[in-house]
Amino acid sequence: MPKGRDHILGRIRAALADRPPGGLPEDVAGAAVFAPVADPLARFQAECQANRTELHLVTAANEADCLTAVLAREKEGGDGTIYVQDAPALRALAARLPAATQTNLQFAPAQPAGIASLTLCEALVARTGSVLVSSRCGGRAATILPPTHIVYAHASQLHAEIDAALLAARSQSPTASLYSLITGPSRTSDIEKMLVLGAHGPKRLTVLLRTD
């Protein structure tokens, strides 16, 4: 072995022998990086506003009216199909919509190609205002292909931190082939730092959050 290599290896061994013990100091190990989220709902509302997510707090009494108004706005640009995840909760909600609105809904496992999609989610993250979805939420394309993605969620799905949301999603959908965090509408500012919405996915993200 060349002498130069012996010299280098000798210096490494000496440095390893004199290195300080590993690990973090006791006053740092286990310390929280961020302050705890005191009010998850209030924090989620604030983050949604910051990341341009359209958030509607609804109850059983007004959720159908709210969804009707949201879908009517989507149809202003012309007639089109609204893809809906075929789930019991969304079937029940759709049944309460006006007949004229129901005619544009399509419950199917096929790839959505309509003007909007309506899906459930796995969880919501208060810290970042994110929506956690999986492949079981209407399929992989339902959350990225239509121009508008509408999410129907319940306050019980709201978690303060991402790790808790991921654990909840994993326990509910252990066989899902994909999990994705959505924080606001798709966007980019690669070209001259000009913000463009709808760059690689939906231009609008709307969340109907049932609080009762």
Protein backbone atom coordinates (compact mmCIF):
# COMPACT_ATOMS: atom_id res chain seq x y z
CA MET A 1 0.00 0.00 0.00
CA PRO A 2 1.40 3.43 -0.89
CA LYS A 3 2.80 5.50 1.97
CA GLY A 4 0.46 8.37 1.18
CA ARG A 5 -2.57 6.18 1.73
CA ASP A 6 -1.16 4.90 5.04
CA HIS A 7 -0.70 8.49 6.17
CA ILE A 8 -4.27 9.44 5.26
CA LEU A 9 -5.78 6.37 6.91
CA GLY A 10 -3.70 6.99 10.02
CA ARG A 11 -5.04 10.51 10.33
CA ILE A 12 -8.63 9.24 9.92
CA ARG A 13 -8.15 6.60 12.63
CA ALA A 14 -6.68 9.19 14.98
CA ALA A 15 -9.58 11.57 14.38
CA LEU A 16 -12.13 8.82 14.99
CA ALA A 17 -10.43 7.83 18.23
CA ASP A 18 -10.58 11.40 19.59
CA ARG A 19 -14.07 12.29 18.36
CA PRO A 20 -16.60 13.49 20.97
CA PRO A 21 -19.53 11.25 21.92
CA GLY A 22 -22.39 11.26 19.40
CA GLY A 23 -25.97 12.34 19.88
CA LEU A 24 -27.61 15.61 20.75
CA PRO A 25 -27.29 17.40 24.08
CA GLU A 26 -30.02 16.51 26.56
CA ASP A 27 -31.57 19.97 26.32
CA VAL A 28 -31.92 19.60 22.52
CA ALA A 29 -32.80 15.94 22.03
CA GLY A 30 -36.54 15.50 21.73
CA ALA A 31 -37.25 19.24 21.69
CA ALA A 32 -40.05 20.39 19.39
CA VAL A 33 -38.92 22.22 16.27
CA PHE A 34 -42.09 24.31 16.05
CA ALA A 35 -44.46 25.62 18.66
CA PRO A 36 -47.51 23.36 19.14
CA VAL A 37 -50.63 24.17 17.13
CA ALA A 38 -53.03 25.50 19.76
CA ASP A 39 -56.15 25.58 17.58
CA PRO A 40 -55.94 23.19 14.59
CA LEU A 41 -59.08 24.53 12.90
CA ALA A 42 -58.01 28.17 13.16
CA ARG A 43 -54.52 27.30 11.93
CA PHE A 44 -55.95 25.31 9.01
CA GLN A 45 -58.13 28.27 8.03
CA ALA A 46 -55.18 30.65 8.12
CA GLU A 47 -52.94 28.35 6.09
CA CYS A 48 -55.65 27.76 3.48
CA GLN A 49 -55.99 31.49 3.02
CA ALA A 50 -52.24 31.83 2.63
CA ASN A 51 -51.89 29.05 0.07
CA ARG A 52 -55.02 30.05 -1.90
CA THR A 53 -57.14 27.07 -0.98
CA GLU A 54 -60.84 27.90 -1.05
CA LEU A 55 -62.22 26.68 2.28
CA HIS A 56 -65.90 26.42 3.23
CA LEU A 57 -66.90 25.44 6.76
CA VAL A 58 -70.21 23.62 6.46
CA THR A 59 -72.69 21.64 8.54
CA ALA A 60 -75.27 19.01 7.72
CA ALA A 61 -77.82 21.78 7.30
CA ASN A 62 -76.01 23.78 4.61
CA GLU A 63 -73.43 21.49 2.98
CA ALA A 64 -75.69 20.61 0.04
CA ASP A 65 -76.42 24.28 -0.66
CA CYS A 66 -72.73 25.12 -0.47
CA LEU A 67 -71.76 22.32 -2.84
CA THR A 68 -74.52 23.34 -5.25
CA ALA A 69 -73.11 26.87 -5.40
CA VAL A 70 -69.56 25.60 -5.92
CA LEU A 71 -70.60 23.28 -8.75
CA ALA A 72 -72.73 25.98 -10.37
CA ARG A 73 -69.69 28.23 -10.55
CA GLU A 74 -67.69 25.49 -12.25
CA LYS A 75 -70.40 25.13 -14.91
CA GLU A 76 -70.36 28.84 -15.77
CA GLY A 77 -67.68 28.25 -18.37
CA GLY A 78 -69.85 25.71 -20.18
CA ASP A 79 -71.41 22.33 -19.71
CA GLY A 80 -69.17 19.53 -18.53
CA THR A 81 -69.02 16.40 -16.47
CA ILE A 82 -68.10 16.54 -12.81
CA TYR A 83 -66.33 13.37 -11.74
CA VAL A 84 -67.32 12.14 -8.27
CA GLN A 85 -65.56 9.48 -6.24
CA ASP A 86 -67.98 6.59 -5.82
CA ALA A 87 -68.19 6.59 -2.03
CA PRO A 88 -71.28 6.27 0.23
CA ALA A 89 -70.75 9.68 1.82
CA LEU A 90 -70.59 11.42 -1.55
CA ARG A 91 -73.54 9.42 -2.90
CA ALA A 92 -75.63 10.61 0.04
CA LEU A 93 -74.50 14.21 -0.39
CA ALA A 94 -75.16 14.17 -4.14
CA ALA A 95 -78.67 12.85 -3.58
CA ARG A 96 -79.51 16.10 -1.78
CA LEU A 97 -78.44 18.31 -4.69
CA PRO A 98 -80.93 19.79 -7.18
CA ALA A 99 -81.87 17.44 -10.02
CA ALA A 100 -80.32 19.78 -12.60
CA THR A 101 -76.99 19.58 -10.78
CA GLN A 102 -77.10 15.80 -10.41
CA THR A 103 -77.32 15.32 -14.17
CA ASN A 104 -73.72 16.52 -14.54
CA LEU A 105 -72.30 14.16 -11.92
CA GLN A 106 -70.54 10.99 -12.95
CA PHE A 107 -69.82 8.26 -10.40
CA ALA A 108 -67.28 6.00 -12.03
CA PRO A 109 -63.85 4.50 -11.41
CA ALA A 110 -62.67 5.69 -14.82
CA GLN A 111 -60.10 8.42 -15.28
CA PRO A 112 -61.81 11.79 -14.74
CA ALA A 113 -61.83 14.11 -17.72
CA GLY A 114 -64.49 16.59 -16.64
CA ILE A 115 -64.42 20.18 -15.53
CA ALA A 116 -64.01 19.25 -11.86
CA SER A 117 -63.62 16.32 -9.50
CA LEU A 118 -65.20 15.74 -6.10
CA THR A 119 -63.38 13.37 -3.77
CA LEU A 120 -62.85 12.47 -0.16
CA CYS A 121 -59.46 12.74 1.53
CA GLU A 122 -57.48 10.71 4.03
CA ALA A 123 -56.67 13.59 6.37
CA LEU A 124 -56.08 17.33 6.71
CA VAL A 125 -52.93 18.96 8.12
CA ALA A 126 -53.44 22.12 10.16
CA ARG A 127 -49.74 23.05 10.31
CA THR A 128 -49.48 23.56 6.54
CA GLY A 129 -53.10 23.74 5.40
CA SER A 130 -52.58 20.57 3.38
CA VAL A 131 -54.97 17.90 2.14
CA LEU A 132 -53.68 14.34 2.32
CA VAL A 133 -55.11 12.06 -0.36
CA SER A 134 -54.34 8.55 -1.51
CA SER A 135 -54.99 6.46 -4.59
CA ARG A 136 -58.20 5.36 -2.88
CA CYS A 137 -59.57 8.91 -3.10
CA GLY A 138 -61.11 8.48 -6.53
CA GLY A 139 -57.96 7.16 -8.18
CA ARG A 140 -54.64 8.78 -8.95
CA ALA A 141 -55.91 11.11 -11.68
CA ALA A 142 -58.86 12.50 -9.73
CA THR A 143 -56.69 14.90 -7.75
CA ILE A 144 -54.43 16.11 -10.57
CA LEU A 145 -56.26 15.98 -13.91
CA PRO A 146 -59.43 18.16 -13.66
CA PRO A 147 -59.06 21.97 -13.58
CA THR A 148 -60.80 22.07 -10.18
CA HIS A 149 -60.48 19.61 -7.32
CA ILE A 150 -63.21 19.71 -4.66
CA VAL A 151 -62.57 17.87 -1.39
CA TYR A 152 -65.27 16.88 1.09
CA ALA A 153 -63.83 16.33 4.56
CA HIS A 154 -64.85 16.17 8.21
CA ALA A 155 -63.32 18.03 11.14
CA SER A 156 -62.45 14.67 12.72
CA GLN A 157 -59.90 14.23 9.91
CA LEU A 158 -58.02 17.37 10.93
CA HIS A 159 -54.60 16.77 12.50
CA ALA A 160 -52.17 19.33 13.83
CA GLU A 161 -49.07 17.78 12.24
CA ILE A 162 -48.14 15.87 9.11
CA ASP A 163 -46.87 12.80 10.96
CA ALA A 164 -50.21 12.26 12.71
CA ALA A 165 -52.06 12.67 9.41
CA LEU A 166 -49.82 10.13 7.70
CA LEU A 167 -50.32 7.60 10.50
CA ALA A 168 -54.10 8.05 10.27
CA ALA A 169 -54.03 7.61 6.50
CA ARG A 170 -51.87 4.54 6.77
CA SER A 171 -54.23 2.92 9.25
CA GLN A 172 -57.31 3.70 7.14
CA SER A 173 -55.88 2.82 3.72
CA PRO A 174 -52.95 0.43 4.27
CA THR A 175 -53.15 -0.92 0.71
CA ALA A 176 -53.12 2.44 -1.06
CA SER A 177 -50.47 2.63 -3.77
CA LEU A 178 -49.98 6.38 -3.48
CA TYR A 179 -50.22 9.09 -0.84
CA SER A 180 -50.01 12.76 -1.76
CA LEU A 181 -50.01 16.03 0.18
CA ILE A 182 -51.78 18.88 -1.63
CA THR A 183 -51.10 22.38 -0.37
CA GLY A 184 -53.16 24.79 -2.41
CA PRO A 185 -53.71 24.81 -6.18
CA SER A 186 -50.94 23.71 -8.51
CA ARG A 187 -48.52 26.56 -9.16
CA THR A 188 -45.15 27.54 -10.53
CA SER A 189 -43.05 30.69 -10.77
CA ASP A 190 -40.18 29.26 -12.81
CA ILE A 191 -40.55 31.80 -15.61
CA GLU A 192 -39.42 35.27 -14.51
CA LYS A 193 -40.80 34.57 -11.01
CA MET A 194 -44.35 35.14 -12.25
CA LEU A 195 -46.84 33.02 -10.29
CA VAL A 196 -48.96 30.82 -12.55
CA LEU A 197 -51.76 28.68 -11.10
CA GLY A 198 -52.76 25.38 -12.63
CA ALA A 199 -49.27 24.59 -13.84
CA HIS A 200 -49.13 20.83 -13.22
CA GLY A 201 -52.55 20.10 -11.75
CA PRO A 202 -55.82 21.75 -10.69
CA LYS A 203 -55.97 25.52 -10.90
CA ARG A 204 -58.45 25.62 -8.01
CA LEU A 205 -58.56 23.59 -4.80
CA THR A 206 -61.82 23.80 -2.84
CA VAL A 207 -62.36 22.15 0.55
CA LEU A 208 -65.79 21.63 2.10
CA LEU A 209 -65.04 20.96 5.75
CA ARG A 210 -67.94 19.70 7.79
CA THR A 211 -67.62 20.86 11.37
CA ASP A 212 -70.60 19.21 13.10
